[in-house]
Amino acid sequence: MSSAQPALLEQLSPRLVPELRVYLDRHRGSVMEMIQSGGEAAGMPASRAYATAFDGLLSALFHAARAAMIAKKT
């Protein structure tokens, strides 16, 4: 598949996907530490932190997709 065109978001910003992976890995690691501690933070606080991380990821993807679509129209 090397002849395939890069995904639209990668065309807009080649660094976007790696940056989002780093973002998600960092937050996933933080949540895992909360869970592995076994304390009060292992329950709802860890769940909230994980949900917040995905909210940030989806927000970034939404804005990147919107920018890519606008750029493609022009």
PDB file of N, CA and C in Angstrom:
ATOM      1  N   MET A   1       0.808  -1.190   0.000  1.00  0.00           N
ATOM      2  CA  MET A   1       0.000   0.000   0.000  1.00  0.00           C
ATOM      3  C   MET A   1       0.852   1.255   0.000  1.00  0.00           C
ATOM      4  N   SER A   2       2.078   1.180  -0.357  1.00  0.00           N
ATOM      5  CA  SER A   2       2.940   2.350  -0.357  1.00  0.00           C
ATOM      6  C   SER A   2       2.526   3.366  -1.403  1.00  0.00           C
ATOM      7  N   SER A   3       1.762   2.959  -2.397  1.00  0.00           N
ATOM      8  CA  SER A   3       1.326   3.890  -3.429  1.00  0.00           C
ATOM      9  C   SER A   3       0.081   4.671  -3.021  1.00  0.00           C
ATOM     10  N   ALA A   4      -0.547   4.300  -1.923  1.00  0.00           N
ATOM     11  CA  ALA A   4      -1.745   4.987  -1.471  1.00  0.00           C
ATOM     12  C   ALA A   4      -1.395   6.387  -0.977  1.00  0.00           C
ATOM     13  N   GLN A   5      -2.331   7.308  -1.192  1.00  0.00           N
ATOM     14  CA  GLN A   5      -2.118   8.664  -0.705  1.00  0.00           C
ATOM     15  C   GLN A   5      -2.227   8.679   0.812  1.00  0.00           C
ATOM     16  N   PRO A   6      -1.490   9.592   1.468  1.00  0.00           N
ATOM     17  CA  PRO A   6      -1.608   9.697   2.918  1.00  0.00           C
ATOM     18  C   PRO A   6      -3.019  10.141   3.305  1.00  0.00           C
ATOM     19  N   ALA A   7      -3.420   9.788   4.486  1.00  0.00           N
ATOM     20  CA  ALA A   7      -4.728  10.192   4.986  1.00  0.00           C
ATOM     21  C   ALA A   7      -4.819  11.716   4.995  1.00  0.00           C
ATOM     22  N   LEU A   8      -6.026  12.210   4.902  1.00  0.00           N
ATOM     23  CA  LEU A   8      -6.252  13.647   4.812  1.00  0.00           C
ATOM     24  C   LEU A   8      -5.612  14.405   5.973  1.00  0.00           C
ATOM     25  N   LEU A   9      -5.757  13.888   7.189  1.00  0.00           N
ATOM     26  CA  LEU A   9      -5.174  14.579   8.338  1.00  0.00           C
ATOM     27  C   LEU A   9      -3.654  14.577   8.284  1.00  0.00           C
ATOM     28  N   GLU A  10      -3.063  13.504   7.786  1.00  0.00           N
ATOM     29  CA  GLU A  10      -1.607  13.458   7.657  1.00  0.00           C
ATOM     30  C   GLU A  10      -1.128  14.418   6.582  1.00  0.00           C
ATOM     31  N   GLN A  11      -1.937  14.645   5.564  1.00  0.00           N
ATOM     32  CA  GLN A  11      -1.578  15.630   4.548  1.00  0.00           C
ATOM     33  C   GLN A  11      -1.549  17.024   5.151  1.00  0.00           C
ATOM     34  N   LEU A  12      -2.488  17.299   6.038  1.00  0.00           N
ATOM     35  CA  LEU A  12      -2.561  18.610   6.670  1.00  0.00           C
ATOM     36  C   LEU A  12      -1.397  18.819   7.628  1.00  0.00           C
ATOM     37  N   SER A  13      -1.104  17.802   8.431  1.00  0.00           N
ATOM     38  CA  SER A  13      -0.026  17.903   9.414  1.00  0.00           C
ATOM     39  C   SER A  13       0.589  16.524   9.615  1.00  0.00           C
ATOM     40  N   PRO A  14       1.780  16.296   9.067  1.00  0.00           N
ATOM     41  CA  PRO A  14       2.419  14.987   9.223  1.00  0.00           C
ATOM     42  C   PRO A  14       2.741  14.643  10.681  1.00  0.00           C
ATOM     43  N   ARG A  15       2.786  15.650  11.536  1.00  0.00           N
ATOM     44  CA  ARG A  15       3.111  15.412  12.951  1.00  0.00           C
ATOM     45  C   ARG A  15       1.882  15.119  13.796  1.00  0.00           C
ATOM     46  N   LEU A  16       0.686  15.293  13.236  1.00  0.00           N
ATOM     47  CA  LEU A  16      -0.533  15.173  14.034  1.00  0.00           C
ATOM     48  C   LEU A  16      -0.691  13.791  14.655  1.00  0.00           C
ATOM     49  N   VAL A  17      -0.612  12.750  13.863  1.00  0.00           N
ATOM     50  CA  VAL A  17      -0.831  11.395  14.377  1.00  0.00           C
ATOM     51  C   VAL A  17       0.193  11.036  15.454  1.00  0.00           C
ATOM     52  N   PRO A  18       1.491  11.270  15.230  1.00  0.00           N
ATOM     53  CA  PRO A  18       2.447  10.973  16.303  1.00  0.00           C
ATOM     54  C   PRO A  18       2.190  11.789  17.571  1.00  0.00           C
ATOM     55  N   GLU A  19       1.808  13.060  17.415  1.00  0.00           N
ATOM     56  CA  GLU A  19       1.521  13.886  18.590  1.00  0.00           C
ATOM     57  C   GLU A  19       0.320  13.353  19.358  1.00  0.00           C
ATOM     58  N   LEU A  20      -0.706  12.922  18.643  1.00  0.00           N
ATOM     59  CA  LEU A  20      -1.883  12.376  19.314  1.00  0.00           C
ATOM     60  C   LEU A  20      -1.558  11.059  20.013  1.00  0.00           C
ATOM     61  N   ARG A  21      -0.687  10.263  19.419  1.00  0.00           N
ATOM     62  CA  ARG A  21      -0.273   9.012  20.077  1.00  0.00           C
ATOM     63  C   ARG A  21       0.479   9.304  21.371  1.00  0.00           C
ATOM     64  N   VAL A  22       1.369  10.289  21.338  1.00  0.00           N
ATOM     65  CA  VAL A  22       2.112  10.672  22.544  1.00  0.00           C
ATOM     66  C   VAL A  22       1.145  11.170  23.613  1.00  0.00           C
ATOM     67  N   TYR A  23       0.194  12.009  23.213  1.00  0.00           N
ATOM     68  CA  TYR A  23      -0.815  12.538  24.131  1.00  0.00           C
ATOM     69  C   TYR A  23      -1.575  11.400  24.811  1.00  0.00           C
ATOM     70  N   LEU A  24      -2.045  10.462  24.003  1.00  0.00           N
ATOM     71  CA  LEU A  24      -2.831   9.356  24.543  1.00  0.00           C
ATOM     72  C   LEU A  24      -1.979   8.440  25.416  1.00  0.00           C
ATOM     73  N   ASP A  25      -0.760   8.152  25.006  1.00  0.00           N
ATOM     74  CA  ASP A  25       0.132   7.314  25.813  1.00  0.00           C
ATOM     75  C   ASP A  25       0.432   7.960  27.161  1.00  0.00           C
ATOM     76  N   ARG A  26       0.671   9.271  27.150  1.00  0.00           N
ATOM     77  CA  ARG A  26       0.972   9.981  28.400  1.00  0.00           C
ATOM     78  C   ARG A  26      -0.209   9.886  29.363  1.00  0.00           C
ATOM     79  N   HIS A  27      -1.409  10.154  28.860  1.00  0.00           N
ATOM     80  CA  HIS A  27      -2.590  10.115  29.726  1.00  0.00           C
ATOM     81  C   HIS A  27      -2.943   8.689  30.132  1.00  0.00           C
ATOM     82  N   ARG A  28      -2.749   7.744  29.232  1.00  0.00           N
ATOM     83  CA  ARG A  28      -3.011   6.342  29.574  1.00  0.00           C
ATOM     84  C   ARG A  28      -2.079   5.906  30.703  1.00  0.00           C
ATOM     85  N   GLY A  29      -0.818   6.301  30.619  1.00  0.00           N
ATOM     86  CA  GLY A  29       0.143   5.963  31.667  1.00  0.00           C
ATOM     87  C   GLY A  29      -0.243   6.559  33.005  1.00  0.00           C
ATOM     88  N   SER A  30      -0.700   7.794  32.972  1.00  0.00           N
ATOM     89  CA  SER A  30      -1.131   8.459  34.202  1.00  0.00           C
ATOM     90  C   SER A  30      -2.326   7.741  34.823  1.00  0.00           C
ATOM     91  N   VAL A  31      -3.274   7.351  33.996  1.00  0.00           N
ATOM     92  CA  VAL A  31      -4.456   6.636  34.493  1.00  0.00           C
ATOM     93  C   VAL A  31      -4.056   5.264  35.031  1.00  0.00           C
ATOM     94  N   MET A  32      -3.154   4.586  34.348  1.00  0.00           N
ATOM     95  CA  MET A  32      -2.700   3.270  34.827  1.00  0.00           C
ATOM     96  C   MET A  32      -2.047   3.386  36.204  1.00  0.00           C
ATOM     97  N   GLU A  33      -1.275   4.442  36.413  1.00  0.00           N
ATOM     98  CA  GLU A  33      -0.673   4.658  37.734  1.00  0.00           C
ATOM     99  C   GLU A  33      -1.746   4.854  38.785  1.00  0.00           C
ATOM    100  N   MET A  34      -2.804   5.599  38.442  1.00  0.00           N
ATOM    101  CA  MET A  34      -3.901   5.814  39.383  1.00  0.00           C
ATOM    102  C   MET A  34      -4.564   4.485  39.737  1.00  0.00           C
ATOM    103  N   ILE A  35      -4.777   3.640  38.739  1.00  0.00           N
ATOM    104  CA  ILE A  35      -5.446   2.357  38.964  1.00  0.00           C
ATOM    105  C   ILE A  35      -4.558   1.411  39.757  1.00  0.00           C
ATOM    106  N   GLN A  36      -3.283   1.350  39.389  1.00  0.00           N
ATOM    107  CA  GLN A  36      -2.368   0.421  40.052  1.00  0.00           C
ATOM    108  C   GLN A  36      -2.093   0.801  41.496  1.00  0.00           C
ATOM    109  N   SER A  37      -2.314   2.066  41.842  1.00  0.00           N
ATOM    110  CA  SER A  37      -2.101   2.480  43.230  1.00  0.00           C
ATOM    111  C   SER A  37      -3.099   1.794  44.159  1.00  0.00           C
ATOM    112  N   GLY A  38      -4.270   1.457  43.614  1.00  0.00           N
ATOM    113  CA  GLY A  38      -5.278   0.759  44.400  1.00  0.00           C
ATOM    114  C   GLY A  38      -5.998   1.642  45.395  1.00  0.00           C
ATOM    115  N   GLY A  39      -5.674   2.909  45.430  1.00  0.00           N
ATOM    116  CA  GLY A  39      -6.319   3.823  46.365  1.00  0.00           C
ATOM    117  C   GLY A  39      -7.647   4.329  45.839  1.00  0.00           C
ATOM    118  N   GLU A  40      -8.101   5.409  46.469  1.00  0.00           N
ATOM    119  CA  GLU A  40      -9.376   5.994  46.061  1.00  0.00           C
ATOM    120  C   GLU A  40      -9.335   6.508  44.629  1.00  0.00           C
ATOM    121  N   ALA A  41      -8.157   6.878  44.148  1.00  0.00           N
ATOM    122  CA  ALA A  41      -8.016   7.400  42.785  1.00  0.00           C
ATOM    123  C   ALA A  41      -8.169   6.304  41.735  1.00  0.00           C
ATOM    124  N   ALA A  42      -8.217   5.048  42.163  1.00  0.00           N
ATOM    125  CA  ALA A  42      -8.301   3.935  41.209  1.00  0.00           C
ATOM    126  C   ALA A  42      -9.696   3.772  40.625  1.00  0.00           C
ATOM    127  N   GLY A  43     -10.690   4.391  41.222  1.00  0.00           N
ATOM    128  CA  GLY A  43     -12.064   4.221  40.755  1.00  0.00           C
ATOM    129  C   GLY A  43     -12.521   5.342  39.844  1.00  0.00           C
ATOM    130  N   MET A  44     -13.471   6.121  40.353  1.00  0.00           N
ATOM    131  CA  MET A  44     -14.059   7.197  39.554  1.00  0.00           C
ATOM    132  C   MET A  44     -13.042   8.240  39.098  1.00  0.00           C
ATOM    133  N   PRO A  45     -12.103   8.660  39.937  1.00  0.00           N
ATOM    134  CA  PRO A  45     -11.130   9.646  39.447  1.00  0.00           C
ATOM    135  C   PRO A  45     -10.335   9.142  38.238  1.00  0.00           C
ATOM    136  N   ALA A  46      -9.956   7.878  38.245  1.00  0.00           N
ATOM    137  CA  ALA A  46      -9.231   7.316  37.097  1.00  0.00           C
ATOM    138  C   ALA A  46     -10.141   7.253  35.875  1.00  0.00           C
ATOM    139  N   SER A  47     -11.384   6.883  36.085  1.00  0.00           N
ATOM    140  CA  SER A  47     -12.344   6.836  34.976  1.00  0.00           C
ATOM    141  C   SER A  47     -12.555   8.215  34.378  1.00  0.00           C
ATOM    142  N   ARG A  48     -12.676   9.221  35.243  1.00  0.00           N
ATOM    143  CA  ARG A  48     -12.841  10.594  34.761  1.00  0.00           C
ATOM    144  C   ARG A  48     -11.616  11.052  33.986  1.00  0.00           C
ATOM    145  N   ALA A  49     -10.441  10.736  34.511  1.00  0.00           N
ATOM    146  CA  ALA A  49      -9.201  11.138  33.839  1.00  0.00           C
ATOM    147  C   ALA A  49      -9.103  10.493  32.458  1.00  0.00           C
ATOM    148  N   TYR A  50      -9.483   9.237  32.358  1.00  0.00           N
ATOM    149  CA  TYR A  50      -9.429   8.537  31.067  1.00  0.00           C
ATOM    150  C   TYR A  50     -10.447   9.133  30.093  1.00  0.00           C
ATOM    151  N   ALA A  51     -11.651   9.417  30.594  1.00  0.00           N
ATOM    152  CA  ALA A  51     -12.680  10.029  29.753  1.00  0.00           C
ATOM    153  C   ALA A  51     -12.240  11.413  29.290  1.00  0.00           C
ATOM    154  N   THR A  52     -11.602  12.166  30.167  1.00  0.00           N
ATOM    155  CA  THR A  52     -11.112  13.495  29.818  1.00  0.00           C
ATOM    156  C   THR A  52     -10.033  13.410  28.747  1.00  0.00           C
ATOM    157  N   ALA A  53      -9.172  12.411  28.844  1.00  0.00           N
ATOM    158  CA  ALA A  53      -8.123  12.226  27.836  1.00  0.00           C
ATOM    159  C   ALA A  53      -8.745  11.937  26.469  1.00  0.00           C
ATOM    160  N   PHE A  54      -9.752  11.083  26.440  1.00  0.00           N
ATOM    161  CA  PHE A  54     -10.408  10.785  25.164  1.00  0.00           C
ATOM    162  C   PHE A  54     -11.196  11.981  24.647  1.00  0.00           C
ATOM    163  N   ASP A  55     -11.763  12.771  25.548  1.00  0.00           N
ATOM    164  CA  ASP A  55     -12.445  13.988  25.132  1.00  0.00           C
ATOM    165  C   ASP A  55     -11.456  14.930  24.449  1.00  0.00           C
ATOM    166  N   GLY A  56     -10.276  15.061  25.021  1.00  0.00           N
ATOM    167  CA  GLY A  56      -9.246  15.894  24.407  1.00  0.00           C
ATOM    168  C   GLY A  56      -8.820  15.362  23.055  1.00  0.00           C
ATOM    169  N   LEU A  57      -8.677  14.053  22.964  1.00  0.00           N
ATOM    170  CA  LEU A  57      -8.297  13.421  21.697  1.00  0.00           C
ATOM    171  C   LEU A  57      -9.356  13.668  20.625  1.00  0.00           C
ATOM    172  N   LEU A  58     -10.614  13.440  20.975  1.00  0.00           N
ATOM    173  CA  LEU A  58     -11.695  13.644  20.009  1.00  0.00           C
ATOM    174  C   LEU A  58     -11.833  15.113  19.613  1.00  0.00           C
ATOM    175  N   SER A  59     -11.621  16.017  20.563  1.00  0.00           N
ATOM    176  CA  SER A  59     -11.668  17.445  20.239  1.00  0.00           C
ATOM    177  C   SER A  59     -10.575  17.812  19.252  1.00  0.00           C
ATOM    178  N   ALA A  60      -9.375  17.311  19.485  1.00  0.00           N
ATOM    179  CA  ALA A  60      -8.260  17.591  18.575  1.00  0.00           C
ATOM    180  C   ALA A  60      -8.540  17.017  17.190  1.00  0.00           C
ATOM    181  N   LEU A  61      -9.075  15.806  17.140  1.00  0.00           N
ATOM    182  CA  LEU A  61      -9.396  15.192  15.848  1.00  0.00           C
ATOM    183  C   LEU A  61     -10.499  15.953  15.119  1.00  0.00           C
ATOM    184  N   PHE A  62     -11.491  16.409  15.862  1.00  0.00           N
ATOM    185  CA  PHE A  62     -12.575  17.173  15.242  1.00  0.00           C
ATOM    186  C   PHE A  62     -12.035  18.437  14.590  1.00  0.00           C
ATOM    187  N   HIS A  63     -11.232  19.192  15.344  1.00  0.00           N
ATOM    188  CA  HIS A  63     -10.712  20.448  14.805  1.00  0.00           C
ATOM    189  C   HIS A  63      -9.738  20.205  13.656  1.00  0.00           C
ATOM    190  N   ALA A  64      -8.961  19.149  13.743  1.00  0.00           N
ATOM    191  CA  ALA A  64      -8.037  18.821  12.651  1.00  0.00           C
ATOM    192  C   ALA A  64      -8.808  18.407  11.401  1.00  0.00           C
ATOM    193  N   ALA A  65      -9.851  17.611  11.586  1.00  0.00           N
ATOM    194  CA  ALA A  65     -10.660  17.186  10.442  1.00  0.00           C
ATOM    195  C   ALA A  65     -11.365  18.378   9.804  1.00  0.00           C
ATOM    196  N   ARG A  66     -11.856  19.260  10.631  1.00  0.00           N
ATOM    197  CA  ARG A  66     -12.521  20.464  10.113  1.00  0.00           C
ATOM    198  C   ARG A  66     -11.540  21.309   9.310  1.00  0.00           C
ATOM    199  N   ALA A  67     -10.349  21.515   9.856  1.00  0.00           N
ATOM    200  CA  ALA A  67      -9.327  22.296   9.149  1.00  0.00           C
ATOM    201  C   ALA A  67      -8.935  21.620   7.840  1.00  0.00           C
ATOM    202  N   ALA A  68      -8.823  20.306   7.865  1.00  0.00           N
ATOM    203  CA  ALA A  68      -8.454  19.571   6.652  1.00  0.00           C
ATOM    204  C   ALA A  68      -9.538  19.691   5.590  1.00  0.00           C
ATOM    205  N   MET A  69     -10.784  19.633   6.005  1.00  0.00           N
ATOM    206  CA  MET A  69     -11.881  19.751   5.048  1.00  0.00           C
ATOM    207  C   MET A  69     -11.933  21.151   4.446  1.00  0.00           C
ATOM    208  N   ILE A  70     -11.701  22.164   5.273  1.00  0.00           N
ATOM    209  CA  ILE A  70     -11.683  23.539   4.772  1.00  0.00           C
ATOM    210  C   ILE A  70     -10.524  23.721   3.802  1.00  0.00           C
ATOM    211  N   ALA A  71      -9.354  23.186   4.168  1.00  0.00           N
ATOM    212  CA  ALA A  71      -8.176  23.310   3.306  1.00  0.00           C
ATOM    213  C   ALA A  71      -8.390  22.591   1.977  1.00  0.00           C
ATOM    214  N   LYS A  72      -9.092  21.481   2.012  1.00  0.00           N
ATOM    215  CA  LYS A  72      -9.323  20.713   0.783  1.00  0.00           C
ATOM    216  C   LYS A  72     -10.281  21.446  -0.163  1.00  0.00           C
ATOM    217  N   LYS A  73     -11.190  22.239   0.386  1.00  0.00           N
ATOM    218  CA  LYS A  73     -12.143  22.992  -0.434  1.00  0.00           C
ATOM    219  C   LYS A  73     -11.468  24.126  -1.189  1.00  0.00           C
ATOM    220  N   THR A  74     -10.414  24.681  -0.619  1.00  0.00           N
ATOM    221  CA  THR A  74      -9.767  25.843  -1.256  1.00  0.00           C
ATOM    222  C   THR A  74      -8.696  25.442  -2.222  1.00  0.00           C
TER     223      THR A  74
END
